[in-house]
Amino acid sequence: MTINTFVAGKGLLYRFDPRAKLLTVVLLCIWFFLPVRLVGLYTVVGLLILLGALNTGFSHILKTFLSILPMLLFMVLFMPFNVRNGESLISIGSFTLITAEGLEQAVRLAGRFIGITYACTLLFATTVMQEVMLALRAFHLPYKAGLVVTLAFTYIPFIAESFSQIAESHSLREAESEQGKRIFQRLKDLVPTLTSALVFALRSIPNLAMSLELRGFGGEEKRSSFKDLSSYRHPFTHTLLSCIMLVGFWVLFRVK
């Protein structure tokens, strides 16, 4: 599995301690659910996107947002209909379609979704997977649990890339263009691609198991690490700086 979520670069986040980055992401996920004003929520989201642009580039931001766009659109379009109380914004006769509270809740939920998704994406895009595992172990997470996390974020992009390659190979064998097909025909043509991807995933399981066995996984001996995080010399400073920034944002944007 050569596919990885890491994006090579030399920005500020690449020099940030992985333990501090991991703790910051966890605190950010908590911060987004605190009672803060909507302008504060999107200010933090905007700063995250700006930080990502300075480190991983705009192309990576575009790729990330395109991947979550269907879910985001579904959330924004249907969330306002769930809230029936409050000031009516759009109504059909006596039936209230969208309220101000429902629209605000949808916008807030979208901001939380974007912020949490992109914060986690930046963590894995600016940190080598081995260092992510070392950071997890630094917080006393068991080795097997850390391995599950790192394998998931390696294996999922690997399967996604394989699915794209299989889809492209199937499209090359078809004479009819994609634009001329109806939606039901496209869904029908997706079945062979999904079947091929499933078979490919199942066939890769023995290779994954063999690689784990070669690395001594499952043995009773204590695990050792060839690499450590000693090259990052300021973990406390980085952690303190992150905590101060988050507390500052909370004091500045909290609902009074």
Protein backbone atom coordinates (compact mmCIF):
# COMPACT_ATOMS: atom_id res chain seq x y z
CA MET A 1 0.00 0.00 0.00
CA THR A 2 1.94 2.99 -1.28
CA ILE A 3 -1.02 5.39 -1.14
CA ASN A 4 -0.71 7.82 1.74
CA THR A 5 -2.56 10.88 2.99
CA PHE A 6 0.71 12.76 3.65
CA VAL A 7 1.43 15.75 1.40
CA ALA A 8 5.09 16.71 1.21
CA GLY A 9 5.83 20.31 2.16
CA LYS A 10 7.90 22.66 4.32
CA GLY A 11 5.31 24.84 6.02
CA LEU A 12 4.80 25.68 9.66
CA LEU A 13 2.61 22.66 10.37
CA TYR A 14 5.31 20.28 9.16
CA ARG A 15 7.63 21.58 11.91
CA PHE A 16 4.91 21.40 14.56
CA ASP A 17 5.21 18.59 17.10
CA PRO A 18 2.89 15.66 16.16
CA ARG A 19 1.78 15.25 19.79
CA ALA A 20 0.77 18.90 19.93
CA LYS A 21 -1.03 18.62 16.58
CA LEU A 22 -2.94 15.55 17.71
CA LEU A 23 -4.02 17.23 20.97
CA THR A 24 -4.97 20.41 19.07
CA VAL A 25 -7.21 18.46 16.69
CA VAL A 26 -8.97 16.78 19.63
CA LEU A 27 -9.47 20.15 21.35
CA LEU A 28 -10.69 21.69 18.10
CA CYS A 29 -13.30 18.96 17.73
CA ILE A 30 -14.53 19.86 21.23
CA TRP A 31 -14.30 23.62 20.55
CA PHE A 32 -16.57 23.43 17.50
CA PHE A 33 -19.41 22.14 19.70
CA LEU A 34 -19.06 24.86 22.33
CA PRO A 35 -21.67 27.68 22.40
CA VAL A 36 -19.83 30.17 20.19
CA ARG A 37 -21.20 32.80 17.82
CA LEU A 38 -21.61 31.88 14.18
CA VAL A 39 -19.09 34.51 13.07
CA GLY A 40 -16.53 33.02 15.46
CA LEU A 41 -17.17 29.51 14.18
CA TYR A 42 -16.52 30.50 10.58
CA THR A 43 -13.57 32.67 11.59
CA VAL A 44 -11.81 29.61 13.00
CA VAL A 45 -12.82 27.56 9.93
CA GLY A 46 -11.41 30.30 7.69
CA LEU A 47 -8.14 30.38 9.64
CA LEU A 48 -7.88 26.60 9.28
CA ILE A 49 -8.35 26.87 5.51
CA LEU A 50 -5.79 29.70 5.32
CA LEU A 51 -3.33 27.61 7.35
CA GLY A 52 -3.92 24.68 5.03
CA ALA A 53 -3.38 26.85 1.95
CA LEU A 54 -0.02 28.05 3.31
CA ASN A 55 1.12 24.49 4.05
CA THR A 56 -0.47 22.02 1.63
CA GLY A 57 -1.61 24.36 -1.15
CA PHE A 58 -4.96 25.26 -2.68
CA SER A 59 -5.11 22.10 -4.78
CA HIS A 60 -5.25 19.96 -1.65
CA ILE A 61 -8.00 22.17 -0.22
CA LEU A 62 -10.01 21.83 -3.43
CA LYS A 63 -9.58 18.05 -3.44
CA THR A 64 -10.71 17.82 0.19
CA PHE A 65 -13.80 19.95 -0.34
CA LEU A 66 -14.79 18.10 -3.49
CA SER A 67 -14.70 14.84 -1.53
CA ILE A 68 -17.10 16.14 1.15
CA LEU A 69 -19.25 18.29 -1.15
CA PRO A 70 -22.09 15.73 -1.69
CA MET A 71 -22.55 15.19 2.05
CA LEU A 72 -22.28 18.92 2.71
CA LEU A 73 -24.92 19.77 0.10
CA PHE A 74 -27.24 17.09 1.46
CA MET A 75 -26.79 18.50 4.95
CA VAL A 76 -27.38 22.14 3.99
CA LEU A 77 -30.38 21.40 1.76
CA PHE A 78 -32.35 19.16 4.10
CA MET A 79 -31.35 20.34 7.57
CA PRO A 80 -33.55 23.52 7.56
CA PHE A 81 -36.68 21.40 7.04
CA ASN A 82 -36.18 19.60 10.37
CA VAL A 83 -36.67 22.75 12.47
CA ARG A 84 -40.29 23.97 12.39
CA ASN A 85 -40.20 26.54 15.21
CA GLY A 86 -39.14 30.17 14.96
CA GLU A 87 -39.46 33.03 12.48
CA SER A 88 -40.66 31.93 9.07
CA LEU A 89 -38.41 32.77 6.12
CA ILE A 90 -39.98 30.74 3.31
CA SER A 91 -43.55 29.50 3.44
CA ILE A 92 -46.09 28.02 1.04
CA GLY A 93 -49.49 29.27 2.08
CA SER A 94 -49.86 28.50 5.76
CA PHE A 95 -47.11 25.87 5.68
CA THR A 96 -43.72 27.06 6.91
CA LEU A 97 -40.97 25.64 4.76
CA ILE A 98 -37.81 27.17 6.26
CA THR A 99 -37.40 29.09 9.51
CA ALA A 100 -34.59 31.42 10.54
CA GLU A 101 -33.59 29.05 13.36
CA GLY A 102 -33.52 26.10 10.97
CA LEU A 103 -31.32 27.95 8.49
CA GLU A 104 -28.96 29.05 11.27
CA GLN A 105 -28.73 25.51 12.59
CA ALA A 106 -27.95 24.19 9.10
CA VAL A 107 -25.21 26.80 8.57
CA ARG A 108 -23.74 26.08 12.02
CA LEU A 109 -23.76 22.32 11.41
CA ALA A 110 -22.08 22.82 8.04
CA GLY A 111 -19.37 24.95 9.67
CA ARG A 112 -18.74 22.30 12.31
CA PHE A 113 -18.58 19.58 9.68
CA ILE A 114 -16.12 21.54 7.52
CA GLY A 115 -13.96 22.52 10.50
CA ILE A 116 -13.67 19.05 12.01
CA THR A 117 -13.14 17.37 8.64
CA TYR A 118 -10.45 19.79 7.52
CA ALA A 119 -8.68 19.82 10.91
CA CYS A 120 -8.33 16.02 10.77
CA THR A 121 -7.31 16.22 7.11
CA LEU A 122 -4.55 18.72 7.92
CA LEU A 123 -3.26 16.46 10.69
CA PHE A 124 -2.76 13.50 8.36
CA ALA A 125 -1.67 15.66 5.42
CA THR A 126 1.20 17.29 7.34
CA THR A 127 2.27 14.34 9.52
CA VAL A 128 3.90 11.12 8.41
CA MET A 129 1.74 8.15 9.39
CA GLN A 130 4.53 6.66 11.48
CA GLU A 131 4.74 9.87 13.51
CA VAL A 132 0.97 9.82 13.99
CA MET A 133 1.30 6.37 15.51
CA LEU A 134 4.18 7.52 17.73
CA ALA A 135 2.05 10.47 18.88
CA LEU A 136 -0.80 8.13 19.73
CA ARG A 137 1.55 5.92 21.70
CA ALA A 138 2.92 9.00 23.48
CA PHE A 139 -0.59 9.46 24.91
CA HIS A 140 -0.45 5.83 26.12
CA LEU A 141 -2.77 4.47 23.47
CA PRO A 142 -2.12 0.72 23.10
CA TYR A 143 -0.03 -0.30 20.13
CA LYS A 144 -2.83 -2.35 18.55
CA ALA A 145 -5.29 0.55 18.79
CA GLY A 146 -2.77 2.95 17.24
CA LEU A 147 -2.09 0.45 14.48
CA VAL A 148 -5.80 0.22 13.69
CA VAL A 149 -6.03 4.00 13.34
CA THR A 150 -2.98 4.32 11.10
CA LEU A 151 -3.98 1.33 8.97
CA ALA A 152 -7.45 2.80 8.45
CA PHE A 153 -6.04 6.08 7.19
CA THR A 154 -3.66 4.18 4.90
CA TYR A 155 -5.95 1.44 3.68
CA ILE A 156 -8.98 3.64 2.90
CA PRO A 157 -7.07 5.94 0.47
CA PHE A 158 -5.51 2.81 -1.05
CA ILE A 159 -8.95 1.30 -1.73
CA ALA A 160 -10.29 4.65 -2.97
CA GLU A 161 -7.41 4.98 -5.42
CA SER A 162 -7.93 1.40 -6.57
CA PHE A 163 -11.65 2.09 -7.08
CA SER A 164 -10.81 5.10 -9.27
CA GLN A 165 -8.43 3.02 -11.38
CA ILE A 166 -10.99 0.23 -11.79
CA ALA A 167 -13.69 2.75 -12.75
CA GLU A 168 -11.40 4.28 -15.37
CA SER A 169 -10.53 0.86 -16.81
CA HIS A 170 -14.25 -0.04 -17.09
CA SER A 171 -15.05 3.27 -18.76
CA LEU A 172 -12.36 2.67 -21.38
CA ARG A 173 -14.08 -0.57 -22.40
CA GLU A 174 -17.44 1.13 -22.99
CA ALA A 175 -18.27 2.62 -26.35
CA GLU A 176 -21.09 4.87 -25.10
CA SER A 177 -20.07 8.17 -23.57
CA GLU A 178 -20.95 8.99 -19.98
CA GLN A 179 -22.84 12.13 -20.96
CA GLY A 180 -25.32 10.21 -23.08
CA LYS A 181 -26.26 7.78 -20.33
CA ARG A 182 -29.22 8.09 -18.03
CA ILE A 183 -28.79 8.02 -14.29
CA PHE A 184 -30.22 4.50 -13.93
CA GLN A 185 -27.81 3.19 -16.55
CA ARG A 186 -24.92 4.83 -14.72
CA LEU A 187 -25.98 3.19 -11.47
CA LYS A 188 -26.27 -0.14 -13.26
CA ASP A 189 -22.79 0.25 -14.73
CA LEU A 190 -21.46 0.98 -11.23
CA VAL A 191 -22.21 -2.58 -10.05
CA PRO A 192 -19.28 -4.24 -11.92
CA THR A 193 -16.93 -1.54 -10.65
CA LEU A 194 -18.02 -2.05 -7.04
CA THR A 195 -17.73 -5.83 -7.46
CA SER A 196 -14.21 -5.53 -8.84
CA ALA A 197 -13.21 -3.16 -6.04
CA LEU A 198 -14.61 -5.55 -3.42
CA VAL A 199 -12.71 -8.49 -4.93
CA PHE A 200 -9.54 -6.40 -5.05
CA ALA A 201 -9.97 -5.43 -1.38
CA LEU A 202 -10.50 -9.04 -0.33
CA ARG A 203 -7.46 -10.20 -2.30
CA SER A 204 -5.29 -7.59 -0.59
CA ILE A 205 -6.10 -8.96 2.89
CA PRO A 206 -3.49 -11.80 2.77
CA ASN A 207 -0.80 -9.33 1.70
CA LEU A 208 -1.72 -7.03 4.57
CA ALA A 209 -1.67 -9.94 7.04
CA MET A 210 1.70 -11.09 5.74
CA SER A 211 3.21 -7.62 6.12
CA LEU A 212 1.96 -7.48 9.72
CA GLU A 213 3.46 -10.88 10.48
CA LEU A 214 6.81 -9.82 9.02
CA ARG A 215 6.80 -6.83 11.36
CA GLY A 216 6.26 -9.07 14.36
CA PHE A 217 2.64 -8.17 14.99
CA GLY A 218 0.95 -10.64 17.30
CA GLY A 219 4.11 -11.62 19.15
CA GLU A 220 4.44 -11.37 22.90
CA GLU A 221 7.71 -9.42 22.77
CA LYS A 222 7.59 -5.75 23.63
CA ARG A 223 7.39 -3.54 20.58
CA SER A 224 10.32 -1.26 19.75
CA SER A 225 10.42 1.72 17.40
CA PHE A 226 13.12 2.48 14.90
CA LYS A 227 12.06 6.13 14.85
CA ASP A 228 11.08 8.47 17.68
CA LEU A 229 9.92 12.06 18.10
CA SER A 230 13.12 13.40 19.64
CA SER A 231 13.73 15.63 16.61
CA TYR A 232 10.80 17.79 17.75
CA ARG A 233 12.37 19.77 20.59
CA HIS A 234 9.47 21.99 21.70
CA PRO A 235 6.41 19.82 22.35
CA PHE A 236 5.38 21.74 25.48
CA THR A 237 5.69 25.13 23.76
CA HIS A 238 3.66 23.97 20.76
CA THR A 239 0.97 22.45 22.99
CA LEU A 240 0.77 25.56 25.17
CA LEU A 241 0.53 27.81 22.11
CA SER A 242 -2.34 25.74 20.69
CA CYS A 243 -4.22 25.76 23.99
CA ILE A 244 -3.78 29.52 24.40
CA MET A 245 -5.14 30.13 20.88
CA LEU A 246 -8.20 27.94 21.44
CA VAL A 247 -8.93 29.51 24.83
CA GLY A 248 -8.54 32.95 23.23
CA PHE A 249 -11.00 32.08 20.48
CA TRP A 250 -13.45 30.79 23.11
CA VAL A 251 -13.24 33.98 25.18
CA LEU A 252 -13.54 36.15 22.07
CA PHE A 253 -16.43 34.37 20.34
CA ARG A 254 -18.42 32.73 23.13
CA VAL A 255 -22.13 33.38 23.43
CA LYS A 256 -22.67 35.77 26.32
